[in-house]
Amino acid sequence: MNGWTTVKKSTARSSEPGRDAAVGYAVVVVGTSWGGLDALRELVTALPQDYDVPMTIVQHRHRDSDAMLARILQDYTRLRVSEVEDKQPVEAGCVYIAPANYHLLVEEGHFSLSTEAPVRYSRPSIDVSMTTAADAYGHRAVGVILTGSNADGAVGLRRIADSGGMAVIQDPASAAAPAMPQAAMEAVPTARVFALDRIAAFLGALPSKTVRTPKVE
């Protein structure tokens, strides 16, 4: 597990001018903790109905939590929301929820679940999911840090930036718990920082690797 959270110093490539337009993003990993439910509801509600970049959500919650989070979020979006199963394929147009008490590893084309020791006292760990996403997808990965009361996700977001991916952080001023966004900003000082109500629009405007077929009128 320690190998997933050992990274080089940030090169902050995620903010290089003009890089976004040349990238087709393949996966988005959203990490949140305290205050996350309200933030996630606002985020998924505002996503475009045709949003096709697979989104993975890692929310800190009790180890005995059931799949209620996926059911709650499904009420706020037409995108398909589901809790991840081991070896489940990564598909466009879906929102995936990390199950309680498992680390969620984002691999090329599929997810894996792990019961290795908690990282920063957390399982699922945002750092683990973001680090594995960066290792699997490199510059095609997007990391988003929302409200939370610890520093989980800062290391993973930095790995995404170091890989040339996109780093996005909720403005601490708009967060129920600002500690997690603040830690992420310190780790990736050139990340894109937005108020919560602007994040969905920003994600929706990012280019996707999915090729859309023009509609025939």
N, C-alpha and C. Protein backbone atom coordinates (compact mmCIF):
# COMPACT_ATOMS: atom_id res chain seq x y z
N MET A 1 0.82 -1.21 0.00
CA MET A 1 0.00 0.00 0.00
C MET A 1 0.85 1.26 0.00
N ASN A 2 1.98 1.26 0.71
CA ASN A 2 2.82 2.43 0.75
C ASN A 2 3.33 2.81 -0.64
N GLY A 3 3.52 1.81 -1.50
CA GLY A 3 4.00 2.11 -2.84
C GLY A 3 3.04 2.95 -3.65
N TRP A 4 1.74 2.90 -3.31
CA TRP A 4 0.77 3.68 -4.06
C TRP A 4 0.80 5.14 -3.67
N THR A 5 1.39 5.48 -2.52
CA THR A 5 1.33 6.86 -2.06
C THR A 5 2.70 7.52 -2.01
N THR A 6 3.70 6.93 -2.65
CA THR A 6 5.02 7.54 -2.74
C THR A 6 5.16 8.17 -4.11
N VAL A 7 5.28 9.50 -4.15
CA VAL A 7 5.28 10.20 -5.43
C VAL A 7 6.44 11.18 -5.49
N LYS A 8 6.72 11.64 -6.71
CA LYS A 8 7.75 12.65 -6.91
C LYS A 8 7.18 14.03 -6.60
N LYS A 9 8.07 15.00 -6.51
CA LYS A 9 7.63 16.37 -6.30
C LYS A 9 6.75 16.80 -7.46
N SER A 10 5.68 17.56 -7.15
CA SER A 10 4.73 17.96 -8.18
C SER A 10 5.38 18.82 -9.25
N THR A 11 5.08 18.49 -10.49
CA THR A 11 5.51 19.33 -11.61
C THR A 11 4.37 20.22 -12.10
N ALA A 12 3.17 20.01 -11.54
CA ALA A 12 2.02 20.88 -11.80
C ALA A 12 1.67 20.99 -13.27
N ARG A 13 1.86 19.93 -14.02
CA ARG A 13 1.62 20.01 -15.46
C ARG A 13 0.14 20.17 -15.79
N SER A 14 -0.74 19.92 -14.83
CA SER A 14 -2.16 19.99 -15.13
C SER A 14 -2.62 21.40 -15.52
N SER A 15 -1.81 22.43 -15.26
CA SER A 15 -2.24 23.79 -15.55
C SER A 15 -1.52 24.40 -16.75
N GLU A 16 -0.78 23.61 -17.49
CA GLU A 16 -0.08 24.16 -18.64
C GLU A 16 -1.06 24.73 -19.65
N PRO A 17 -0.83 25.92 -20.17
CA PRO A 17 -1.76 26.54 -21.11
C PRO A 17 -1.98 25.67 -22.34
N GLY A 18 -3.25 25.51 -22.70
CA GLY A 18 -3.59 24.83 -23.94
C GLY A 18 -3.54 23.32 -23.88
N ARG A 19 -3.11 22.75 -22.77
CA ARG A 19 -2.97 21.29 -22.73
C ARG A 19 -4.33 20.60 -22.73
N ASP A 20 -5.32 21.21 -22.07
CA ASP A 20 -6.63 20.58 -21.92
C ASP A 20 -7.22 20.16 -23.27
N ALA A 21 -7.15 21.06 -24.25
CA ALA A 21 -7.82 20.84 -25.53
C ALA A 21 -7.23 19.66 -26.28
N ALA A 22 -6.01 19.28 -25.97
CA ALA A 22 -5.36 18.20 -26.71
C ALA A 22 -5.56 16.84 -26.03
N VAL A 23 -6.32 16.81 -24.94
CA VAL A 23 -6.48 15.59 -24.15
C VAL A 23 -7.91 15.10 -24.23
N GLY A 24 -8.07 13.80 -24.41
CA GLY A 24 -9.38 13.20 -24.26
C GLY A 24 -9.39 12.47 -22.93
N TYR A 25 -10.08 13.00 -21.94
CA TYR A 25 -10.02 12.43 -20.59
C TYR A 25 -10.79 11.13 -20.50
N ALA A 26 -10.24 10.18 -19.74
CA ALA A 26 -10.78 8.82 -19.70
C ALA A 26 -11.43 8.48 -18.37
N VAL A 27 -11.10 9.17 -17.29
CA VAL A 27 -11.67 8.85 -15.99
C VAL A 27 -11.57 10.07 -15.08
N VAL A 28 -12.58 10.24 -14.23
CA VAL A 28 -12.60 11.27 -13.20
C VAL A 28 -12.71 10.58 -11.86
N VAL A 29 -11.84 10.94 -10.91
CA VAL A 29 -11.92 10.41 -9.55
C VAL A 29 -12.22 11.57 -8.62
N VAL A 30 -13.34 11.47 -7.91
CA VAL A 30 -13.78 12.50 -6.97
C VAL A 30 -13.58 11.98 -5.56
N GLY A 31 -12.90 12.76 -4.72
CA GLY A 31 -12.69 12.37 -3.34
C GLY A 31 -13.30 13.36 -2.38
N THR A 32 -13.97 12.85 -1.34
CA THR A 32 -14.61 13.72 -0.37
C THR A 32 -14.79 13.00 0.95
N SER A 33 -15.06 13.78 1.99
CA SER A 33 -15.25 13.20 3.32
C SER A 33 -16.36 13.97 4.01
N TRP A 34 -16.05 14.66 5.11
CA TRP A 34 -17.06 15.37 5.89
C TRP A 34 -17.79 16.39 5.00
N GLY A 35 -19.12 16.33 5.00
CA GLY A 35 -19.92 17.22 4.17
C GLY A 35 -20.07 16.75 2.74
N GLY A 36 -19.58 15.54 2.46
CA GLY A 36 -19.53 15.06 1.09
C GLY A 36 -20.88 14.77 0.47
N LEU A 37 -21.84 14.30 1.25
CA LEU A 37 -23.12 13.93 0.67
C LEU A 37 -23.79 15.11 -0.02
N ASP A 38 -23.88 16.24 0.66
CA ASP A 38 -24.49 17.42 0.05
C ASP A 38 -23.69 17.89 -1.16
N ALA A 39 -22.36 17.85 -1.04
CA ALA A 39 -21.53 18.28 -2.17
C ALA A 39 -21.72 17.37 -3.37
N LEU A 40 -21.78 16.06 -3.14
CA LEU A 40 -21.95 15.11 -4.23
C LEU A 40 -23.31 15.24 -4.89
N ARG A 41 -24.34 15.48 -4.09
CA ARG A 41 -25.67 15.68 -4.68
C ARG A 41 -25.66 16.89 -5.60
N GLU A 42 -25.04 17.96 -5.17
CA GLU A 42 -24.98 19.15 -6.02
C GLU A 42 -24.16 18.88 -7.28
N LEU A 43 -23.07 18.16 -7.13
CA LEU A 43 -22.21 17.87 -8.28
C LEU A 43 -22.93 17.02 -9.32
N VAL A 44 -23.49 15.88 -8.92
CA VAL A 44 -24.10 14.99 -9.91
C VAL A 44 -25.36 15.59 -10.50
N THR A 45 -26.08 16.40 -9.74
CA THR A 45 -27.27 17.06 -10.27
C THR A 45 -26.92 17.96 -11.44
N ALA A 46 -25.78 18.62 -11.35
CA ALA A 46 -25.40 19.61 -12.36
C ALA A 46 -24.61 19.03 -13.53
N LEU A 47 -24.24 17.76 -13.48
CA LEU A 47 -23.52 17.17 -14.61
C LEU A 47 -24.43 17.10 -15.84
N PRO A 48 -23.89 17.32 -17.02
CA PRO A 48 -24.71 17.19 -18.23
C PRO A 48 -25.30 15.79 -18.35
N GLN A 49 -26.49 15.69 -18.91
CA GLN A 49 -27.16 14.40 -19.04
C GLN A 49 -26.40 13.45 -19.95
N ASP A 50 -25.61 14.00 -20.86
CA ASP A 50 -24.83 13.16 -21.77
C ASP A 50 -23.36 13.06 -21.35
N TYR A 51 -23.07 13.37 -20.10
CA TYR A 51 -21.69 13.31 -19.62
C TYR A 51 -21.18 11.89 -19.76
N ASP A 52 -20.04 11.71 -20.44
CA ASP A 52 -19.63 10.35 -20.77
C ASP A 52 -18.28 9.94 -20.21
N VAL A 53 -17.60 10.82 -19.45
CA VAL A 53 -16.34 10.41 -18.83
C VAL A 53 -16.69 9.64 -17.55
N PRO A 54 -16.27 8.39 -17.42
CA PRO A 54 -16.59 7.62 -16.22
C PRO A 54 -16.13 8.36 -14.96
N MET A 55 -17.03 8.47 -13.99
CA MET A 55 -16.71 9.17 -12.75
C MET A 55 -16.71 8.19 -11.59
N THR A 56 -15.64 8.21 -10.82
CA THR A 56 -15.50 7.36 -9.65
C THR A 56 -15.52 8.24 -8.41
N ILE A 57 -16.38 7.91 -7.45
CA ILE A 57 -16.52 8.70 -6.23
C ILE A 57 -16.00 7.89 -5.05
N VAL A 58 -15.09 8.50 -4.29
CA VAL A 58 -14.57 7.90 -3.07
C VAL A 58 -15.00 8.79 -1.91
N GLN A 59 -15.95 8.31 -1.13
CA GLN A 59 -16.49 9.04 0.02
C GLN A 59 -16.14 8.29 1.30
N HIS A 60 -15.50 8.97 2.23
CA HIS A 60 -15.24 8.35 3.53
C HIS A 60 -16.57 8.10 4.25
N ARG A 61 -16.77 6.89 4.74
CA ARG A 61 -17.97 6.56 5.49
C ARG A 61 -17.70 5.36 6.37
N HIS A 62 -18.67 5.03 7.20
CA HIS A 62 -18.48 3.95 8.16
C HIS A 62 -18.26 2.63 7.43
N ARG A 63 -17.42 1.78 8.01
CA ARG A 63 -17.06 0.52 7.38
C ARG A 63 -18.25 -0.40 7.14
N ASP A 64 -19.32 -0.24 7.91
CA ASP A 64 -20.51 -1.09 7.75
C ASP A 64 -21.59 -0.45 6.89
N SER A 65 -21.28 0.66 6.23
CA SER A 65 -22.28 1.32 5.39
C SER A 65 -22.71 0.41 4.24
N ASP A 66 -23.98 0.52 3.85
CA ASP A 66 -24.47 -0.27 2.73
C ASP A 66 -24.37 0.55 1.44
N ALA A 67 -25.12 0.17 0.43
CA ALA A 67 -25.05 0.83 -0.88
C ALA A 67 -25.99 2.02 -0.97
N MET A 68 -26.41 2.57 0.17
CA MET A 68 -27.37 3.67 0.17
C MET A 68 -26.85 4.89 -0.58
N LEU A 69 -25.55 5.17 -0.52
CA LEU A 69 -25.02 6.35 -1.20
C LEU A 69 -25.31 6.31 -2.69
N ALA A 70 -25.11 5.16 -3.30
CA ALA A 70 -25.41 5.04 -4.74
C ALA A 70 -26.89 5.26 -5.01
N ARG A 71 -27.73 4.73 -4.16
CA ARG A 71 -29.17 4.89 -4.36
C ARG A 71 -29.59 6.34 -4.19
N ILE A 72 -29.00 7.03 -3.22
CA ILE A 72 -29.33 8.44 -3.02
C ILE A 72 -28.92 9.27 -4.23
N LEU A 73 -27.69 9.08 -4.69
CA LEU A 73 -27.21 9.89 -5.81
C LEU A 73 -27.96 9.59 -7.10
N GLN A 74 -28.43 8.35 -7.25
CA GLN A 74 -29.18 8.01 -8.47
C GLN A 74 -30.43 8.87 -8.62
N ASP A 75 -30.98 9.34 -7.50
CA ASP A 75 -32.17 10.20 -7.55
C ASP A 75 -31.87 11.57 -8.11
N TYR A 76 -30.60 11.92 -8.28
CA TYR A 76 -30.23 13.27 -8.69
C TYR A 76 -29.59 13.33 -10.07
N THR A 77 -29.56 12.21 -10.78
CA THR A 77 -28.94 12.21 -12.10
C THR A 77 -29.55 11.12 -12.97
N ARG A 78 -29.50 11.33 -14.27
CA ARG A 78 -29.92 10.29 -15.22
C ARG A 78 -28.77 9.38 -15.58
N LEU A 79 -27.55 9.76 -15.22
CA LEU A 79 -26.41 8.87 -15.42
C LEU A 79 -26.59 7.65 -14.52
N ARG A 80 -26.05 6.53 -14.93
CA ARG A 80 -26.18 5.31 -14.13
C ARG A 80 -25.20 5.36 -12.97
N VAL A 81 -25.73 5.18 -11.75
CA VAL A 81 -24.91 5.20 -10.54
C VAL A 81 -24.91 3.81 -9.92
N SER A 82 -23.73 3.30 -9.58
CA SER A 82 -23.67 1.97 -8.98
C SER A 82 -22.46 1.86 -8.07
N GLU A 83 -22.56 0.99 -7.08
CA GLU A 83 -21.43 0.69 -6.23
C GLU A 83 -20.55 -0.34 -6.94
N VAL A 84 -19.25 -0.13 -6.89
CA VAL A 84 -18.32 -0.93 -7.68
C VAL A 84 -18.21 -2.35 -7.14
N GLU A 85 -18.14 -3.30 -8.07
CA GLU A 85 -17.82 -4.69 -7.75
C GLU A 85 -16.43 -5.00 -8.29
N ASP A 86 -15.77 -5.95 -7.68
CA ASP A 86 -14.41 -6.30 -8.09
C ASP A 86 -14.37 -6.72 -9.56
N LYS A 87 -13.40 -6.19 -10.28
CA LYS A 87 -13.16 -6.47 -11.70
C LYS A 87 -14.25 -5.90 -12.61
N GLN A 88 -15.05 -5.00 -12.11
CA GLN A 88 -16.10 -4.39 -12.92
C GLN A 88 -15.47 -3.51 -14.01
N PRO A 89 -15.95 -3.60 -15.25
CA PRO A 89 -15.40 -2.76 -16.31
C PRO A 89 -15.72 -1.28 -16.09
N VAL A 90 -14.84 -0.41 -16.57
CA VAL A 90 -15.06 1.03 -16.55
C VAL A 90 -15.79 1.39 -17.84
N GLU A 91 -16.99 1.96 -17.71
CA GLU A 91 -17.81 2.26 -18.87
C GLU A 91 -18.18 3.74 -18.90
N ALA A 92 -18.31 4.28 -20.10
CA ALA A 92 -18.67 5.68 -20.28
C ALA A 92 -20.08 5.94 -19.76
N GLY A 93 -20.32 7.15 -19.29
CA GLY A 93 -21.65 7.55 -18.88
C GLY A 93 -22.09 6.98 -17.55
N CYS A 94 -21.17 6.53 -16.72
CA CYS A 94 -21.51 5.92 -15.44
C CYS A 94 -20.82 6.64 -14.29
N VAL A 95 -21.48 6.61 -13.14
CA VAL A 95 -20.90 7.13 -11.90
C VAL A 95 -20.72 5.94 -10.97
N TYR A 96 -19.49 5.72 -10.53
CA TYR A 96 -19.14 4.56 -9.72
C TYR A 96 -18.82 4.99 -8.29
N ILE A 97 -19.33 4.24 -7.32
CA ILE A 97 -19.13 4.55 -5.91
C ILE A 97 -18.21 3.50 -5.30
N ALA A 98 -17.15 3.96 -4.62
CA ALA A 98 -16.27 3.04 -3.91
C ALA A 98 -17.04 2.41 -2.74
N PRO A 99 -17.07 1.08 -2.63
CA PRO A 99 -17.79 0.45 -1.53
C PRO A 99 -17.10 0.70 -0.20
N ALA A 100 -17.90 0.69 0.86
CA ALA A 100 -17.35 0.90 2.20
C ALA A 100 -16.37 -0.23 2.55
N ASN A 101 -15.30 0.15 3.24
CA ASN A 101 -14.33 -0.80 3.80
C ASN A 101 -13.48 -1.51 2.76
N TYR A 102 -13.42 -0.96 1.54
CA TYR A 102 -12.52 -1.48 0.50
C TYR A 102 -11.76 -0.32 -0.12
N HIS A 103 -10.50 -0.56 -0.45
CA HIS A 103 -9.80 0.36 -1.33
C HIS A 103 -10.26 0.09 -2.76
N LEU A 104 -10.48 1.15 -3.50
CA LEU A 104 -10.88 1.04 -4.90
C LEU A 104 -9.70 1.39 -5.78
N LEU A 105 -9.21 0.41 -6.54
CA LEU A 105 -8.09 0.60 -7.46
C LEU A 105 -8.64 0.82 -8.86
N VAL A 106 -8.23 1.92 -9.48
CA VAL A 106 -8.65 2.23 -10.84
C VAL A 106 -7.58 1.71 -11.79
N GLU A 107 -7.91 0.70 -12.57
CA GLU A 107 -6.95 0.10 -13.48
C GLU A 107 -7.40 0.32 -14.92
N GLU A 108 -6.54 0.02 -15.85
CA GLU A 108 -6.86 0.23 -17.27
C GLU A 108 -8.06 -0.62 -17.66
N GLY A 109 -9.20 0.01 -17.83
CA GLY A 109 -10.39 -0.67 -18.32
C GLY A 109 -11.26 -1.32 -17.25
N HIS A 110 -10.80 -1.39 -16.00
CA HIS A 110 -11.62 -2.02 -14.96
C HIS A 110 -11.20 -1.55 -13.58
N PHE A 111 -12.02 -1.90 -12.57
CA PHE A 111 -11.72 -1.60 -11.18
C PHE A 111 -11.30 -2.88 -10.46
N SER A 112 -10.53 -2.70 -9.39
CA SER A 112 -10.23 -3.79 -8.47
C SER A 112 -10.50 -3.31 -7.05
N LEU A 113 -10.86 -4.24 -6.18
CA LEU A 113 -11.10 -3.91 -4.78
C LEU A 113 -10.04 -4.58 -3.92
N SER A 114 -9.63 -3.90 -2.86
CA SER A 114 -8.58 -4.41 -1.98
C SER A 114 -8.97 -4.21 -0.53
N THR A 115 -8.58 -5.17 0.31
CA THR A 115 -8.79 -5.06 1.75
C THR A 115 -7.47 -4.84 2.48
N GLU A 116 -6.47 -4.32 1.78
CA GLU A 116 -5.21 -4.00 2.45
C GLU A 116 -5.45 -2.92 3.51
N ALA A 117 -4.46 -2.72 4.36
CA ALA A 117 -4.61 -1.85 5.53
C ALA A 117 -5.07 -0.44 5.14
N PRO A 118 -5.84 0.22 6.00
CA PRO A 118 -6.24 1.60 5.74
C PRO A 118 -5.03 2.51 5.50
N VAL A 119 -5.22 3.52 4.69
CA VAL A 119 -4.21 4.54 4.44
C VAL A 119 -4.72 5.85 5.02
N ARG A 120 -3.92 6.48 5.87
CA ARG A 120 -4.37 7.68 6.59
C ARG A 120 -5.67 7.38 7.34
N TYR A 121 -5.75 6.20 7.90
CA TYR A 121 -6.90 5.73 8.68
C TYR A 121 -8.16 5.54 7.83
N SER A 122 -8.03 5.54 6.52
CA SER A 122 -9.20 5.46 5.66
C SER A 122 -9.15 4.26 4.74
N ARG A 123 -10.29 3.60 4.60
CA ARG A 123 -10.50 2.55 3.61
C ARG A 123 -11.99 2.59 3.24
N PRO A 124 -12.34 3.15 2.10
CA PRO A 124 -11.48 3.43 0.96
C PRO A 124 -10.62 4.68 1.16
N SER A 125 -9.46 4.67 0.53
CA SER A 125 -8.55 5.80 0.55
C SER A 125 -8.64 6.55 -0.77
N ILE A 126 -8.82 7.86 -0.68
CA ILE A 126 -8.83 8.70 -1.89
C ILE A 126 -7.46 8.67 -2.55
N ASP A 127 -6.40 8.71 -1.74
CA ASP A 127 -5.04 8.65 -2.29
C ASP A 127 -4.83 7.41 -3.14
N VAL A 128 -5.30 6.26 -2.66
CA VAL A 128 -5.11 5.01 -3.41
C VAL A 128 -5.84 5.07 -4.74
N SER A 129 -7.09 5.51 -4.73
CA SER A 129 -7.85 5.55 -5.99
C SER A 129 -7.25 6.53 -6.98
N MET A 130 -6.85 7.70 -6.52
CA MET A 130 -6.28 8.69 -7.44
C MET A 130 -4.91 8.26 -7.94
N THR A 131 -4.10 7.69 -7.05
CA THR A 131 -2.78 7.25 -7.48
C THR A 131 -2.87 6.15 -8.53
N THR A 132 -3.74 5.18 -8.31
CA THR A 132 -3.88 4.10 -9.29
C THR A 132 -4.48 4.62 -10.60
N ALA A 133 -5.39 5.60 -10.52
CA ALA A 133 -5.94 6.20 -11.74
C ALA A 133 -4.85 6.90 -12.53
N ALA A 134 -3.98 7.61 -11.82
CA ALA A 134 -2.86 8.29 -12.51
C ALA A 134 -1.93 7.29 -13.15
N ASP A 135 -1.65 6.20 -12.44
CA ASP A 135 -0.74 5.20 -12.99
C ASP A 135 -1.35 4.49 -14.20
N ALA A 136 -2.68 4.31 -14.19
CA ALA A 136 -3.35 3.60 -15.29
C ALA A 136 -3.61 4.50 -16.49
N TYR A 137 -3.98 5.77 -16.24
CA TYR A 137 -4.46 6.62 -17.33
C TYR A 137 -3.59 7.85 -17.59
N GLY A 138 -2.63 8.13 -16.71
CA GLY A 138 -1.71 9.23 -16.96
C GLY A 138 -2.40 10.56 -17.20
N HIS A 139 -2.07 11.20 -18.33
CA HIS A 139 -2.60 12.53 -18.64
C HIS A 139 -4.09 12.51 -18.95
N ARG A 140 -4.69 11.32 -19.04
CA ARG A 140 -6.14 11.23 -19.31
C ARG A 140 -6.96 11.15 -18.03
N ALA A 141 -6.32 11.30 -16.86
CA ALA A 141 -7.03 11.22 -15.58
C ALA A 141 -7.35 12.61 -15.05
N VAL A 142 -8.49 12.71 -14.38
CA VAL A 142 -8.91 13.94 -13.71
C VAL A 142 -9.14 13.61 -12.25
N GLY A 143 -8.60 14.42 -11.36
CA GLY A 143 -8.85 14.27 -9.94
C GLY A 143 -9.56 15.47 -9.39
N VAL A 144 -10.58 15.23 -8.54
CA VAL A 144 -11.38 16.31 -7.95
C VAL A 144 -11.43 16.10 -6.44
N ILE A 145 -11.00 17.11 -5.69
CA ILE A 145 -11.07 17.05 -4.24
C ILE A 145 -12.17 18.00 -3.76
N LEU A 146 -13.13 17.44 -3.01
CA LEU A 146 -14.22 18.22 -2.44
C LEU A 146 -14.02 18.35 -0.92
N THR A 147 -15.04 18.80 -0.25
CA THR A 147 -15.02 19.04 1.18
C THR A 147 -14.56 17.82 1.98
N GLY A 148 -13.87 18.07 3.08
CA GLY A 148 -13.40 16.98 3.94
C GLY A 148 -12.56 17.53 5.07
N SER A 149 -12.40 16.72 6.12
CA SER A 149 -11.76 17.22 7.33
C SER A 149 -10.37 16.64 7.56
N ASN A 150 -9.76 16.01 6.54
CA ASN A 150 -8.38 15.54 6.70
C ASN A 150 -7.62 15.78 5.40
N ALA A 151 -6.45 15.17 5.26
CA ALA A 151 -5.60 15.44 4.10
C ALA A 151 -5.64 14.33 3.06
N ASP A 152 -6.51 13.34 3.20
CA ASP A 152 -6.58 12.27 2.21
C ASP A 152 -6.88 12.87 0.84
N GLY A 153 -6.21 12.39 -0.17
CA GLY A 153 -6.42 12.86 -1.52
C GLY A 153 -5.35 13.82 -2.02
N ALA A 154 -4.64 14.48 -1.10
CA ALA A 154 -3.62 15.44 -1.53
C ALA A 154 -2.49 14.74 -2.29
N VAL A 155 -2.04 13.61 -1.78
CA VAL A 155 -0.96 12.86 -2.44
C VAL A 155 -1.43 12.31 -3.78
N GLY A 156 -2.64 11.75 -3.82
CA GLY A 156 -3.17 11.21 -5.06
C GLY A 156 -3.38 12.27 -6.12
N LEU A 157 -3.89 13.44 -5.70
CA LEU A 157 -4.09 14.52 -6.66
C LEU A 157 -2.75 14.99 -7.22
N ARG A 158 -1.74 15.03 -6.39
CA ARG A 158 -0.42 15.41 -6.87
C ARG A 158 0.10 14.39 -7.88
N ARG A 159 -0.17 13.10 -7.66
CA ARG A 159 0.26 12.09 -8.64
C ARG A 159 -0.43 12.32 -9.98
N ILE A 160 -1.71 12.67 -9.94
CA ILE A 160 -2.42 12.95 -11.19
C ILE A 160 -1.78 14.14 -11.90
N ALA A 161 -1.47 15.20 -11.15
CA ALA A 161 -0.82 16.37 -11.76
C ALA A 161 0.54 16.01 -12.31
N ASP A 162 1.30 15.21 -11.57
CA ASP A 162 2.62 14.81 -12.04
C ASP A 162 2.54 13.98 -13.32
N SER A 163 1.42 13.30 -13.52
CA SER A 163 1.23 12.48 -14.71
C SER A 163 0.70 13.28 -15.89
N GLY A 164 0.48 14.57 -15.69
CA GLY A 164 -0.04 15.42 -16.75
C GLY A 164 -1.54 15.50 -16.78
N GLY A 165 -2.22 14.90 -15.78
CA GLY A 165 -3.67 14.93 -15.73
C GLY A 165 -4.19 16.25 -15.18
N MET A 166 -5.50 16.31 -15.01
CA MET A 166 -6.18 17.52 -14.57
C MET A 166 -6.48 17.45 -13.08
N ALA A 167 -6.09 18.47 -12.33
CA ALA A 167 -6.34 18.55 -10.89
C ALA A 167 -7.35 19.66 -10.62
N VAL A 168 -8.43 19.31 -9.92
CA VAL A 168 -9.52 20.25 -9.62
C VAL A 168 -9.80 20.19 -8.13
N ILE A 169 -9.99 21.35 -7.51
CA ILE A 169 -10.23 21.42 -6.08
C ILE A 169 -11.40 22.36 -5.80
N GLN A 170 -12.27 21.94 -4.88
CA GLN A 170 -13.33 22.83 -4.42
C GLN A 170 -12.72 23.97 -3.60
N ASP A 171 -13.15 25.17 -3.87
CA ASP A 171 -12.70 26.33 -3.10
C ASP A 171 -13.01 26.08 -1.62
N PRO A 172 -12.00 26.12 -0.75
CA PRO A 172 -12.26 25.88 0.67
C PRO A 172 -13.35 26.78 1.25
N ALA A 173 -13.51 27.97 0.69
CA ALA A 173 -14.53 28.89 1.19
C ALA A 173 -15.94 28.37 0.96
N SER A 174 -16.11 27.46 -0.01
CA SER A 174 -17.43 26.90 -0.30
C SER A 174 -17.60 25.50 0.28
N ALA A 175 -16.61 25.03 1.05
CA ALA A 175 -16.64 23.66 1.58
C ALA A 175 -17.17 23.63 3.01
N ALA A 176 -17.96 22.60 3.32
CA ALA A 176 -18.43 22.42 4.69
C ALA A 176 -17.27 22.18 5.63
N ALA A 177 -16.25 21.47 5.15
CA ALA A 177 -15.01 21.22 5.90
C ALA A 177 -13.85 21.57 4.97
N PRO A 178 -13.12 22.64 5.23
CA PRO A 178 -12.12 23.11 4.28
C PRO A 178 -10.76 22.41 4.34
N ALA A 179 -10.53 21.55 5.34
CA ALA A 179 -9.18 20.99 5.52
C ALA A 179 -8.71 20.19 4.32
N MET A 180 -9.57 19.36 3.75
CA MET A 180 -9.16 18.52 2.62
C MET A 180 -8.84 19.35 1.38
N PRO A 181 -9.69 20.30 0.99
CA PRO A 181 -9.31 21.16 -0.14
C PRO A 181 -8.04 21.96 0.12
N GLN A 182 -7.86 22.45 1.34
CA GLN A 182 -6.66 23.22 1.64
C GLN A 182 -5.41 22.38 1.52
N ALA A 183 -5.46 21.13 2.01
CA ALA A 183 -4.31 20.24 1.89
C ALA A 183 -4.00 19.95 0.43
N ALA A 184 -5.05 19.79 -0.38
CA ALA A 184 -4.85 19.53 -1.81
C ALA A 184 -4.24 20.73 -2.51
N MET A 185 -4.65 21.92 -2.12
CA MET A 185 -4.09 23.13 -2.73
C MET A 185 -2.61 23.28 -2.39
N GLU A 186 -2.22 22.90 -1.18
CA GLU A 186 -0.82 22.95 -0.81
C GLU A 186 0.00 21.93 -1.62
N ALA A 187 -0.60 20.77 -1.88
CA ALA A 187 0.10 19.73 -2.63
C ALA A 187 0.19 20.05 -4.12
N VAL A 188 -0.86 20.66 -4.66
CA VAL A 188 -0.91 20.99 -6.09
C VAL A 188 -1.31 22.46 -6.20
N PRO A 189 -0.38 23.38 -6.00
CA PRO A 189 -0.74 24.80 -5.93
C PRO A 189 -1.28 25.38 -7.22
N THR A 190 -1.08 24.73 -8.35
CA THR A 190 -1.59 25.25 -9.62
C THR A 190 -2.83 24.50 -10.09
N ALA A 191 -3.46 23.74 -9.21
CA ALA A 191 -4.71 23.07 -9.56
C ALA A 191 -5.80 24.11 -9.85
N ARG A 192 -6.80 23.69 -10.60
CA ARG A 192 -7.95 24.57 -10.85
C ARG A 192 -8.82 24.56 -9.60
N VAL A 193 -9.15 25.73 -9.07
CA VAL A 193 -9.94 25.86 -7.85
C VAL A 193 -11.24 26.57 -8.18
N PHE A 194 -12.36 25.93 -7.84
CA PHE A 194 -13.68 26.47 -8.16
C PHE A 194 -14.60 26.37 -6.96
N ALA A 195 -15.55 27.28 -6.87
CA ALA A 195 -16.67 27.08 -5.96
C ALA A 195 -17.42 25.83 -6.40
N LEU A 196 -18.06 25.18 -5.44
CA LEU A 196 -18.72 23.90 -5.72
C LEU A 196 -19.68 23.99 -6.90
N ASP A 197 -20.42 25.09 -7.00
CA ASP A 197 -21.44 25.17 -8.04
C ASP A 197 -20.87 25.38 -9.44
N ARG A 198 -19.54 25.48 -9.57
CA ARG A 198 -18.93 25.64 -10.89
C ARG A 198 -18.19 24.38 -11.35
N ILE A 199 -18.04 23.42 -10.47
CA ILE A 199 -17.20 22.26 -10.81
C ILE A 199 -17.85 21.40 -11.89
N ALA A 200 -19.13 21.14 -11.79
CA ALA A 200 -19.80 20.28 -12.78
C ALA A 200 -19.70 20.87 -14.18
N ALA A 201 -19.89 22.18 -14.30
CA ALA A 201 -19.81 22.82 -15.62
C ALA A 201 -18.39 22.70 -16.17
N PHE A 202 -17.37 22.85 -15.32
CA PHE A 202 -16.00 22.71 -15.77
C PHE A 202 -15.73 21.29 -16.26
N LEU A 203 -16.16 20.29 -15.48
CA LEU A 203 -15.96 18.90 -15.89
C LEU A 203 -16.70 18.60 -17.18
N GLY A 204 -17.90 19.14 -17.30
CA GLY A 204 -18.70 18.88 -18.49
C GLY A 204 -18.10 19.46 -19.76
N ALA A 205 -17.25 20.47 -19.60
CA ALA A 205 -16.64 21.10 -20.77
C ALA A 205 -15.31 20.47 -21.16
N LEU A 206 -14.78 19.58 -20.32
CA LEU A 206 -13.51 18.93 -20.66
C LEU A 206 -13.71 17.94 -21.81
N PRO A 207 -12.75 17.85 -22.71
CA PRO A 207 -12.88 16.89 -23.82
C PRO A 207 -12.81 15.46 -23.33
N SER A 208 -13.59 14.60 -23.97
CA SER A 208 -13.63 13.19 -23.62
C SER A 208 -12.93 12.38 -24.70
N LYS A 209 -12.44 11.21 -24.31
CA LYS A 209 -11.83 10.32 -25.31
C LYS A 209 -12.91 9.61 -26.11
N THR A 210 -14.17 9.68 -25.63
CA THR A 210 -15.28 9.02 -26.33
C THR A 210 -15.62 9.79 -27.59
N VAL A 211 -15.72 9.11 -28.70
CA VAL A 211 -16.10 9.74 -29.96
C VAL A 211 -17.62 9.68 -30.09
N ARG A 212 -18.24 10.84 -30.13
CA ARG A 212 -19.70 10.89 -30.23
C ARG A 212 -20.12 10.81 -31.70
N THR A 213 -21.14 10.04 -31.98
CA THR A 213 -21.69 9.96 -33.34
C THR A 213 -22.71 11.06 -33.53
N PRO A 214 -22.54 11.91 -34.54
CA PRO A 214 -23.50 13.00 -34.78
C PRO A 214 -24.90 12.46 -34.96
N LYS A 215 -25.86 13.19 -34.39
CA LYS A 215 -27.26 12.79 -34.56
C LYS A 215 -27.73 13.13 -35.96
N VAL A 216 -28.55 12.26 -36.52
CA VAL A 216 -29.11 12.49 -37.83
C VAL A 216 -30.48 13.13 -37.67
N GLU A 217 -30.63 14.31 -38.23
CA GLU A 217 -31.91 15.03 -38.11
C GLU A 217 -32.93 14.46 -39.07
